[in-house]
Amino acid sequence: IDENIADDVAMALEGIDAGSAEIAFDGLSWFGTRSR
């Protein structure tokens, strides 16, 4: 993205009011197509 829009994104993210998030892992997998 353009630098000016990047500044807008950074400012918009500043306004987020959210609590901490508990992160837990659920094993391994893979992404891709069925054959690749």
Full PDB file with SEQRES, HELIX, SHEET, SSBOND, CRYST1, ORIGX, SCALE, CONECT and MASTER records, all heavy atoms in Angstrom:
SEQRES   1 A   36  ILE ASP GLU ASN ILE ALA ASP ASP VAL ALA MET ALA LEU          
SEQRES   2 A   36  GLU GLY ILE ASP ALA GLY SER ALA GLU ILE ALA PHE ASP          
SEQRES   3 A   36  GLY LEU SER TRP PHE GLY THR ARG SER ARG                      
HELIX    1 AA1 GLU A    3  GLU A   14  1                                  12    
CRYST1    1.000    1.000    1.000  90.00  90.00  90.00 P 1           1          
ORIGX1      1.000000  0.000000  0.000000        0.00000                         
ORIGX2      0.000000  1.000000  0.000000        0.00000                         
ORIGX3      0.000000  0.000000  1.000000        0.00000                         
SCALE1      1.000000  0.000000  0.000000        0.00000                         
SCALE2      0.000000  1.000000  0.000000        0.00000                         
SCALE3      0.000000  0.000000  1.000000        0.00000                         
ATOM      1  N   ILE A   1       0.847  -1.197   0.000  1.00  0.00           N  
ATOM      2  CA  ILE A   1       0.000   0.000   0.000  1.00  0.00           C  
ATOM      3  C   ILE A   1       0.879   1.242   0.000  1.00  0.00           C  
ATOM      4  O   ILE A   1       2.059   1.207   0.345  1.00  0.00           O  
ATOM      5  CB  ILE A   1      -0.972   0.031   1.204  1.00  0.00           C  
ATOM      6  CG1 ILE A   1      -0.214  -0.015   2.526  1.00  0.00           C  
ATOM      7  CG2 ILE A   1      -1.979  -1.103   1.110  1.00  0.00           C  
ATOM      8  CD1 ILE A   1      -1.117   0.154   3.743  1.00  0.00           C  
ATOM      9  N   ASP A   2       0.283   2.352  -0.375  1.00  0.00           N  
ATOM     10  CA  ASP A   2       0.947   3.656  -0.368  1.00  0.00           C  
ATOM     11  C   ASP A   2       1.269   4.061   1.072  1.00  0.00           C  
ATOM     12  O   ASP A   2       0.537   3.719   1.997  1.00  0.00           O  
ATOM     13  CB  ASP A   2      -0.009   4.669  -1.026  1.00  0.00           C  
ATOM     14  CG  ASP A   2       0.603   6.037  -1.131  1.00  0.00           C  
ATOM     15  OD1 ASP A   2       1.354   6.275  -2.090  1.00  0.00           O  
ATOM     16  OD2 ASP A   2       0.329   6.858  -0.229  1.00  0.00           O  
ATOM     17  N   GLU A   3       2.354   4.791   1.250  1.00  0.00           N  
ATOM     18  CA  GLU A   3       2.789   5.217   2.586  1.00  0.00           C  
ATOM     19  C   GLU A   3       1.698   6.001   3.327  1.00  0.00           C  
ATOM     20  O   GLU A   3       1.554   5.858   4.541  1.00  0.00           O  
ATOM     21  CB  GLU A   3       4.057   6.079   2.490  1.00  0.00           C  
ATOM     22  CG  GLU A   3       5.246   5.367   1.896  1.00  0.00           C  
ATOM     23  CD  GLU A   3       6.024   4.566   2.909  1.00  0.00           C  
ATOM     24  OE1 GLU A   3       5.812   4.727   4.118  1.00  0.00           O  
ATOM     25  OE2 GLU A   3       6.872   3.764   2.477  1.00  0.00           O  
ATOM     26  N   ASN A   4       0.940   6.837   2.618  1.00  0.00           N  
ATOM     27  CA  ASN A   4      -0.121   7.621   3.271  1.00  0.00           C  
ATOM     28  C   ASN A   4      -1.216   6.719   3.832  1.00  0.00           C  
ATOM     29  O   ASN A   4      -1.724   6.945   4.928  1.00  0.00           O  
ATOM     30  CB  ASN A   4      -0.728   8.643   2.310  1.00  0.00           C  
ATOM     31  CG  ASN A   4       0.255   9.735   1.943  1.00  0.00           C  
ATOM     32  OD1 ASN A   4       1.171  10.029   2.713  1.00  0.00           O  
ATOM     33  ND2 ASN A   4       0.089  10.306   0.767  1.00  0.00           N  
ATOM     34  N   ILE A   5      -1.568   5.688   3.073  1.00  0.00           N  
ATOM     35  CA  ILE A   5      -2.577   4.747   3.552  1.00  0.00           C  
ATOM     36  C   ILE A   5      -2.003   3.934   4.713  1.00  0.00           C  
ATOM     37  O   ILE A   5      -2.710   3.622   5.670  1.00  0.00           O  
ATOM     38  CB  ILE A   5      -3.086   3.843   2.410  1.00  0.00           C  
ATOM     39  CG1 ILE A   5      -3.794   4.698   1.353  1.00  0.00           C  
ATOM     40  CG2 ILE A   5      -4.017   2.767   2.930  1.00  0.00           C  
ATOM     41  CD1 ILE A   5      -4.183   3.960   0.100  1.00  0.00           C  
ATOM     42  N   ALA A   6      -0.711   3.640   4.657  1.00  0.00           N  
ATOM     43  CA  ALA A   6      -0.061   2.927   5.764  1.00  0.00           C  
ATOM     44  C   ALA A   6      -0.185   3.736   7.052  1.00  0.00           C  
ATOM     45  O   ALA A   6      -0.450   3.171   8.120  1.00  0.00           O  
ATOM     46  CB  ALA A   6       1.404   2.655   5.436  1.00  0.00           C  
ATOM     47  N   ASP A   7      -0.018   5.040   6.956  1.00  0.00           N  
ATOM     48  CA  ASP A   7      -0.188   5.901   8.139  1.00  0.00           C  
ATOM     49  C   ASP A   7      -1.623   5.832   8.651  1.00  0.00           C  
ATOM     50  O   ASP A   7      -1.859   5.787   9.864  1.00  0.00           O  
ATOM     51  CB  ASP A   7       0.183   7.356   7.820  1.00  0.00           C  
ATOM     52  CG  ASP A   7       1.680   7.539   7.588  1.00  0.00           C  
ATOM     53  OD1 ASP A   7       2.468   6.671   8.027  1.00  0.00           O  
ATOM     54  OD2 ASP A   7       2.048   8.555   6.957  1.00  0.00           O  
ATOM     55  N   ASP A   8      -2.594   5.805   7.721  1.00  0.00           N  
ATOM     56  CA  ASP A   8      -4.007   5.706   8.117  1.00  0.00           C  
ATOM     57  C   ASP A   8      -4.283   4.375   8.814  1.00  0.00           C  
ATOM     58  O   ASP A   8      -5.019   4.321   9.803  1.00  0.00           O  
ATOM     59  CB  ASP A   8      -4.925   5.841   6.893  1.00  0.00           C  
ATOM     60  CG  ASP A   8      -4.891   7.232   6.280  1.00  0.00           C  
ATOM     61  OD1 ASP A   8      -4.421   8.181   6.958  1.00  0.00           O  
ATOM     62  OD2 ASP A   8      -5.321   7.369   5.116  1.00  0.00           O  
ATOM     63  N   VAL A   9      -3.682   3.297   8.314  1.00  0.00           N  
ATOM     64  CA  VAL A   9      -3.851   1.987   8.933  1.00  0.00           C  
ATOM     65  C   VAL A   9      -3.271   2.008  10.342  1.00  0.00           C  
ATOM     66  O   VAL A   9      -3.912   1.560  11.299  1.00  0.00           O  
ATOM     67  CB  VAL A   9      -3.195   0.871   8.077  1.00  0.00           C  
ATOM     68  CG1 VAL A   9      -3.126  -0.446   8.847  1.00  0.00           C  
ATOM     69  CG2 VAL A   9      -3.957   0.681   6.770  1.00  0.00           C  
ATOM     70  N   ALA A  10      -2.072   2.541  10.478  1.00  0.00           N  
ATOM     71  CA  ALA A  10      -1.422   2.597  11.796  1.00  0.00           C  
ATOM     72  C   ALA A  10      -2.278   3.392  12.787  1.00  0.00           C  
ATOM     73  O   ALA A  10      -2.440   2.981  13.940  1.00  0.00           O  
ATOM     74  CB  ALA A  10      -0.032   3.204  11.674  1.00  0.00           C  
ATOM     75  N   MET A  11      -2.839   4.507  12.344  1.00  0.00           N  
ATOM     76  CA  MET A  11      -3.686   5.320  13.234  1.00  0.00           C  
ATOM     77  C   MET A  11      -4.982   4.599  13.584  1.00  0.00           C  
ATOM     78  O   MET A  11      -5.440   4.655  14.722  1.00  0.00           O  
ATOM     79  CB  MET A  11      -3.961   6.682  12.602  1.00  0.00           C  
ATOM     80  CG  MET A  11      -2.739   7.574  12.653  1.00  0.00           C  
ATOM     81  SD  MET A  11      -2.917   9.293  12.089  1.00  0.00           S  
ATOM     82  CE  MET A  11      -4.580   9.470  11.569  1.00  0.00           C  
ATOM     83  N   ALA A  12      -5.570   3.917  12.612  1.00  0.00           N  
ATOM     84  CA  ALA A  12      -6.818   3.184  12.876  1.00  0.00           C  
ATOM     85  C   ALA A  12      -6.580   2.070  13.890  1.00  0.00           C  
ATOM     86  O   ALA A  12      -7.426   1.819  14.757  1.00  0.00           O  
ATOM     87  CB  ALA A  12      -7.392   2.625  11.575  1.00  0.00           C  
ATOM     88  N   LEU A  13      -5.442   1.410  13.804  1.00  0.00           N  
ATOM     89  CA  LEU A  13      -5.137   0.333  14.744  1.00  0.00           C  
ATOM     90  C   LEU A  13      -4.940   0.866  16.170  1.00  0.00           C  
ATOM     91  O   LEU A  13      -5.220   0.163  17.137  1.00  0.00           O  
ATOM     92  CB  LEU A  13      -3.886  -0.431  14.299  1.00  0.00           C  
ATOM     93  CG  LEU A  13      -4.029  -1.246  13.010  1.00  0.00           C  
ATOM     94  CD1 LEU A  13      -2.675  -1.788  12.565  1.00  0.00           C  
ATOM     95  CD2 LEU A  13      -5.030  -2.376  13.174  1.00  0.00           C  
ATOM     96  N   GLU A  14      -4.483   2.120  16.285  1.00  0.00           N  
ATOM     97  CA  GLU A  14      -4.311   2.732  17.613  1.00  0.00           C  
ATOM     98  C   GLU A  14      -5.625   2.791  18.382  1.00  0.00           C  
ATOM     99  O   GLU A  14      -5.627   2.778  19.609  1.00  0.00           O  
ATOM    100  CB  GLU A  14      -3.739   4.139  17.490  1.00  0.00           C  
ATOM    101  CG  GLU A  14      -2.270   4.170  17.238  1.00  0.00           C  
ATOM    102  CD  GLU A  14      -1.742   5.592  17.112  1.00  0.00           C  
ATOM    103  OE1 GLU A  14      -2.425   6.551  17.520  1.00  0.00           O  
ATOM    104  OE2 GLU A  14      -0.628   5.732  16.587  1.00  0.00           O  
ATOM    105  N   GLY A  15      -6.744   2.882  17.680  1.00  0.00           N  
ATOM    106  CA  GLY A  15      -8.041   3.012  18.323  1.00  0.00           C  
ATOM    107  C   GLY A  15      -8.629   1.713  18.826  1.00  0.00           C  
ATOM    108  O   GLY A  15      -9.724   1.705  19.394  1.00  0.00           O  
ATOM    109  N   ILE A  16      -7.938   0.613  18.644  1.00  0.00           N  
ATOM    110  CA  ILE A  16      -8.484  -0.686  19.060  1.00  0.00           C  
ATOM    111  C   ILE A  16      -8.403  -0.826  20.572  1.00  0.00           C  
ATOM    112  O   ILE A  16      -7.343  -0.661  21.173  1.00  0.00           O  
ATOM    113  CB  ILE A  16      -7.748  -1.843  18.364  1.00  0.00           C  
ATOM    114  CG1 ILE A  16      -8.101  -1.835  16.873  1.00  0.00           C  
ATOM    115  CG2 ILE A  16      -8.095  -3.191  19.007  1.00  0.00           C  
ATOM    116  CD1 ILE A  16      -7.399  -2.886  16.060  1.00  0.00           C  
ATOM    117  N   ASP A  17      -9.543  -1.121  21.156  1.00  0.00           N  
ATOM    118  CA  ASP A  17      -9.617  -1.394  22.595  1.00  0.00           C  
ATOM    119  C   ASP A  17     -10.043  -2.847  22.746  1.00  0.00           C  
ATOM    120  O   ASP A  17     -11.201  -3.194  22.541  1.00  0.00           O  
ATOM    121  CB  ASP A  17     -10.631  -0.461  23.257  1.00  0.00           C  
ATOM    122  CG  ASP A  17     -10.765  -0.709  24.751  1.00  0.00           C  
ATOM    123  OD1 ASP A  17      -9.816  -1.242  25.354  1.00  0.00           O  
ATOM    124  OD2 ASP A  17     -11.831  -0.384  25.304  1.00  0.00           O  
ATOM    125  N   ALA A  18      -9.075  -3.702  23.045  1.00  0.00           N  
ATOM    126  CA  ALA A  18      -9.365  -5.126  23.179  1.00  0.00           C  
ATOM    127  C   ALA A  18      -8.494  -5.703  24.285  1.00  0.00           C  
ATOM    128  O   ALA A  18      -7.435  -5.168  24.605  1.00  0.00           O  
ATOM    129  CB  ALA A  18      -9.085  -5.851  21.857  1.00  0.00           C  
ATOM    130  N   GLY A  19      -8.990  -6.786  24.836  1.00  0.00           N  
ATOM    131  CA  GLY A  19      -8.257  -7.458  25.889  1.00  0.00           C  
ATOM    132  C   GLY A  19      -7.208  -8.399  25.337  1.00  0.00           C  
ATOM    133  O   GLY A  19      -7.195  -8.715  24.150  1.00  0.00           O  
ATOM    134  N   SER A  20      -6.316  -8.827  26.212  1.00  0.00           N  
ATOM    135  CA  SER A  20      -5.304  -9.793  25.812  1.00  0.00           C  
ATOM    136  C   SER A  20      -5.997 -11.063  25.311  1.00  0.00           C  
ATOM    137  O   SER A  20      -7.145 -11.339  25.655  1.00  0.00           O  
ATOM    138  CB  SER A  20      -4.373 -10.118  26.978  1.00  0.00           C  
ATOM    139  OG  SER A  20      -5.089 -10.713  28.033  1.00  0.00           O  
ATOM    140  N   ALA A  21      -5.292 -11.796  24.485  1.00  0.00           N  
ATOM    141  CA  ALA A  21      -5.862 -12.998  23.883  1.00  0.00           C  
ATOM    142  C   ALA A  21      -5.060 -14.214  24.312  1.00  0.00           C  
ATOM    143  O   ALA A  21      -3.837 -14.235  24.176  1.00  0.00           O  
ATOM    144  CB  ALA A  21      -5.868 -12.872  22.363  1.00  0.00           C  
ATOM    145  N   GLU A  22      -5.762 -15.204  24.830  1.00  0.00           N  
ATOM    146  CA  GLU A  22      -5.106 -16.458  25.193  1.00  0.00           C  
ATOM    147  C   GLU A  22      -4.836 -17.246  23.910  1.00  0.00           C  
ATOM    148  O   GLU A  22      -5.755 -17.524  23.132  1.00  0.00           O  
ATOM    149  CB  GLU A  22      -6.008 -17.264  26.124  1.00  0.00           C  
ATOM    150  CG  GLU A  22      -5.372 -18.542  26.604  1.00  0.00           C  
ATOM    151  CD  GLU A  22      -6.300 -19.330  27.518  1.00  0.00           C  
ATOM    152  OE1 GLU A  22      -7.436 -18.907  27.745  1.00  0.00           O  
ATOM    153  OE2 GLU A  22      -5.851 -20.388  27.985  1.00  0.00           O  
ATOM    154  N   ILE A  23      -3.579 -17.594  23.702  1.00  0.00           N  
ATOM    155  CA  ILE A  23      -3.184 -18.322  22.498  1.00  0.00           C  
ATOM    156  C   ILE A  23      -2.842 -19.758  22.880  1.00  0.00           C  
ATOM    157  O   ILE A  23      -2.023 -20.002  23.763  1.00  0.00           O  
ATOM    158  CB  ILE A  23      -1.962 -17.665  21.820  1.00  0.00           C  
ATOM    159  CG1 ILE A  23      -2.248 -16.199  21.485  1.00  0.00           C  
ATOM    160  CG2 ILE A  23      -1.535 -18.450  20.584  1.00  0.00           C  
ATOM    161  CD1 ILE A  23      -3.435 -15.972  20.562  1.00  0.00           C  
ATOM    162  N   ALA A  24      -3.510 -20.693  22.215  1.00  0.00           N  
ATOM    163  CA  ALA A  24      -3.261 -22.115  22.434  1.00  0.00           C  
ATOM    164  C   ALA A  24      -3.121 -22.779  21.068  1.00  0.00           C  
ATOM    165  O   ALA A  24      -3.827 -22.429  20.123  1.00  0.00           O  
ATOM    166  CB  ALA A  24      -4.404 -22.747  23.216  1.00  0.00           C  
ATOM    167  N   PHE A  25      -2.195 -23.702  20.975  1.00  0.00           N  
ATOM    168  CA  PHE A  25      -1.958 -24.400  19.711  1.00  0.00           C  
ATOM    169  C   PHE A  25      -2.715 -25.722  19.695  1.00  0.00           C  
ATOM    170  O   PHE A  25      -2.861 -26.382  20.715  1.00  0.00           O  
ATOM    171  CB  PHE A  25      -0.460 -24.636  19.515  1.00  0.00           C  
ATOM    172  CG  PHE A  25       0.301 -23.351  19.339  1.00  0.00           C  
ATOM    173  CD1 PHE A  25       0.971 -22.778  20.408  1.00  0.00           C  
ATOM    174  CD2 PHE A  25       0.322 -22.711  18.119  1.00  0.00           C  
ATOM    175  CE1 PHE A  25       1.665 -21.587  20.257  1.00  0.00           C  
ATOM    176  CE2 PHE A  25       1.003 -21.510  17.958  1.00  0.00           C  
ATOM    177  CZ  PHE A  25       1.679 -20.950  19.028  1.00  0.00           C  
ATOM    178  N   ASP A  26      -3.215 -26.088  18.499  1.00  0.00           N  
ATOM    179  CA  ASP A  26      -4.010 -27.295  18.307  1.00  0.00           C  
ATOM    180  C   ASP A  26      -3.362 -28.266  17.334  1.00  0.00           C  
ATOM    181  O   ASP A  26      -4.007 -28.781  16.432  1.00  0.00           O  
ATOM    182  CB  ASP A  26      -5.403 -26.910  17.777  1.00  0.00           C  
ATOM    183  CG  ASP A  26      -6.394 -26.613  18.872  1.00  0.00           C  
ATOM    184  OD1 ASP A  26      -6.171 -27.044  20.006  1.00  0.00           O  
ATOM    185  OD2 ASP A  26      -7.396 -25.937  18.593  1.00  0.00           O  
ATOM    186  N   GLY A  27      -2.076 -28.492  17.470  1.00  0.00           N  
ATOM    187  CA  GLY A  27      -1.406 -29.466  16.625  1.00  0.00           C  
ATOM    188  C   GLY A  27      -0.945 -28.894  15.299  1.00  0.00           C  
ATOM    189  O   GLY A  27      -0.990 -27.694  15.062  1.00  0.00           O  
ATOM    190  N   LEU A  28      -0.495 -29.799  14.428  1.00  0.00           N  
ATOM    191  CA  LEU A  28       0.046 -29.411  13.134  1.00  0.00           C  
ATOM    192  C   LEU A  28      -0.884 -29.838  12.012  1.00  0.00           C  
ATOM    193  O   LEU A  28      -1.649 -30.785  12.142  1.00  0.00           O  
ATOM    194  CB  LEU A  28       1.415 -30.061  12.923  1.00  0.00           C  
ATOM    195  CG  LEU A  28       2.494 -29.749  13.944  1.00  0.00           C  
ATOM    196  CD1 LEU A  28       3.796 -30.449  13.560  1.00  0.00           C  
ATOM    197  CD2 LEU A  28       2.708 -28.267  14.087  1.00  0.00           C  
ATOM    198  N   SER A  29      -0.770 -29.114  10.914  1.00  0.00           N  
ATOM    199  CA  SER A  29      -1.532 -29.433   9.717  1.00  0.00           C  
ATOM    200  C   SER A  29      -0.754 -28.878   8.524  1.00  0.00           C  
ATOM    201  O   SER A  29       0.377 -28.418   8.686  1.00  0.00           O  
ATOM    202  CB  SER A  29      -2.929 -28.799   9.795  1.00  0.00           C  
ATOM    203  OG  SER A  29      -3.722 -29.240   8.717  1.00  0.00           O  
ATOM    204  N   TRP A  30      -1.361 -28.923   7.367  1.00  0.00           N  
ATOM    205  CA  TRP A  30      -0.748 -28.292   6.208  1.00  0.00           C  
ATOM    206  C   TRP A  30      -1.807 -27.597   5.380  1.00  0.00           C  
ATOM    207  O   TRP A  30      -2.985 -27.945   5.427  1.00  0.00           O  
ATOM    208  CB  TRP A  30       0.064 -29.282   5.373  1.00  0.00           C  
ATOM    209  CG  TRP A  30      -0.657 -30.518   4.888  1.00  0.00           C  
ATOM    210  CD1 TRP A  30      -0.741 -31.710   5.527  1.00  0.00           C  
ATOM    211  CD2 TRP A  30      -1.375 -30.673   3.657  1.00  0.00           C  
ATOM    212  NE1 TRP A  30      -1.468 -32.600   4.775  1.00  0.00           N  
ATOM    213  CE2 TRP A  30      -1.860 -31.987   3.628  1.00  0.00           C  
ATOM    214  CE3 TRP A  30      -1.643 -29.828   2.590  1.00  0.00           C  
ATOM    215  CZ2 TRP A  30      -2.611 -32.476   2.561  1.00  0.00           C  
ATOM    216  CZ3 TRP A  30      -2.387 -30.313   1.516  1.00  0.00           C  
ATOM    217  CH2 TRP A  30      -2.859 -31.631   1.519  1.00  0.00           C  
ATOM    218  N   PHE A  31      -1.381 -26.576   4.652  1.00  0.00           N  
ATOM    219  CA  PHE A  31      -2.244 -25.837   3.733  1.00  0.00           C  
ATOM    220  C   PHE A  31      -1.812 -26.170   2.314  1.00  0.00           C  
ATOM    221  O   PHE A  31      -0.666 -26.554   2.076  1.00  0.00           O  
ATOM    222  CB  PHE A  31      -2.121 -24.331   3.940  1.00  0.00           C  
ATOM    223  CG  PHE A  31      -2.761 -23.803   5.194  1.00  0.00           C  
ATOM    224  CD1 PHE A  31      -2.505 -22.507   5.605  1.00  0.00           C  
ATOM    225  CD2 PHE A  31      -3.618 -24.566   5.971  1.00  0.00           C  
ATOM    226  CE1 PHE A  31      -3.089 -21.987   6.753  1.00  0.00           C  
ATOM    227  CE2 PHE A  31      -4.207 -24.059   7.119  1.00  0.00           C  
ATOM    228  CZ  PHE A  31      -3.933 -22.756   7.501  1.00  0.00           C  
ATOM    229  N   GLY A  32      -2.721 -25.975   1.393  1.00  0.00           N  
ATOM    230  CA  GLY A  32      -2.449 -26.193  -0.026  1.00  0.00           C  
ATOM    231  C   GLY A  32      -3.663 -26.798  -0.681  1.00  0.00           C  
ATOM    232  O   GLY A  32      -4.773 -26.744  -0.152  1.00  0.00           O  
ATOM    233  N   THR A  33      -3.435 -27.383  -1.842  1.00  0.00           N  
ATOM    234  CA  THR A  33      -4.523 -28.081  -2.524  1.00  0.00           C  
ATOM    235  C   THR A  33      -4.500 -29.544  -2.086  1.00  0.00           C  
ATOM    236  O   THR A  33      -3.574 -29.984  -1.413  1.00  0.00           O  
ATOM    237  CB  THR A  33      -4.342 -27.994  -4.052  1.00  0.00           C  
ATOM    238  OG1 THR A  33      -3.170 -28.716  -4.423  1.00  0.00           O  
ATOM    239  CG2 THR A  33      -4.248 -26.538  -4.518  1.00  0.00           C  
ATOM    240  N   ARG A  34      -5.481 -30.287  -2.504  1.00  0.00           N  
ATOM    241  CA  ARG A  34      -5.553 -31.710  -2.129  1.00  0.00           C  
ATOM    242  C   ARG A  34      -4.332 -32.495  -2.576  1.00  0.00           C  
ATOM    243  O   ARG A  34      -3.946 -33.473  -1.957  1.00  0.00           O  
ATOM    244  CB  ARG A  34      -6.793 -32.362  -2.744  1.00  0.00           C  
ATOM    245  CG  ARG A  34      -8.058 -31.958  -2.095  1.00  0.00           C  
ATOM    246  CD  ARG A  34      -9.197 -32.710  -2.717  1.00  0.00           C  
ATOM    247  NE  ARG A  34     -10.451 -32.144  -2.245  1.00  0.00           N  
ATOM    248  CZ  ARG A  34     -11.580 -32.768  -2.310  1.00  0.00           C  
ATOM    249  NH1 ARG A  34     -11.645 -33.970  -2.836  1.00  0.00           N  
ATOM    250  NH2 ARG A  34     -12.676 -32.189  -1.852  1.00  0.00           N  
ATOM    251  N   SER A  35      -3.729 -32.058  -3.666  1.00  0.00           N  
ATOM    252  CA  SER A  35      -2.599 -32.809  -4.213  1.00  0.00           C  
ATOM    253  C   SER A  35      -1.249 -32.113  -4.049  1.00  0.00           C  
ATOM    254  O   SER A  35      -0.225 -32.692  -4.367  1.00  0.00           O  
ATOM    255  CB  SER A  35      -2.830 -33.076  -5.708  1.00  0.00           C  
ATOM    256  OG  SER A  35      -2.925 -31.845  -6.403  1.00  0.00           O  
ATOM    257  N   ARG A  36      -1.244 -30.879  -3.538  1.00  0.00           N  
ATOM    258  CA  ARG A  36       0.021 -30.155  -3.436  1.00  0.00           C  
ATOM    259  C   ARG A  36       0.059 -29.296  -2.171  1.00  0.00           C  
ATOM    260  O   ARG A  36      -0.454 -28.183  -2.146  1.00  0.00           O  
ATOM    261  CB  ARG A  36       0.226 -29.275  -4.657  1.00  0.00           C  
ATOM    262  CG  ARG A  36       1.528 -28.482  -4.574  1.00  0.00           C  
ATOM    263  CD  ARG A  36       1.869 -27.821  -5.839  1.00  0.00           C  
ATOM    264  NE  ARG A  36       2.407 -28.850  -6.723  1.00  0.00           N  
ATOM    265  CZ  ARG A  36       2.562 -28.696  -8.011  1.00  0.00           C  
ATOM    266  NH1 ARG A  36       2.225 -27.583  -8.591  1.00  0.00           N  
ATOM    267  NH2 ARG A  36       3.064 -29.664  -8.739  1.00  0.00           N  
TER     268      ARG A  36                                                      
MASTER        0    0    0    1    0    0    0    6  267    1    0    3          
END                                                                             
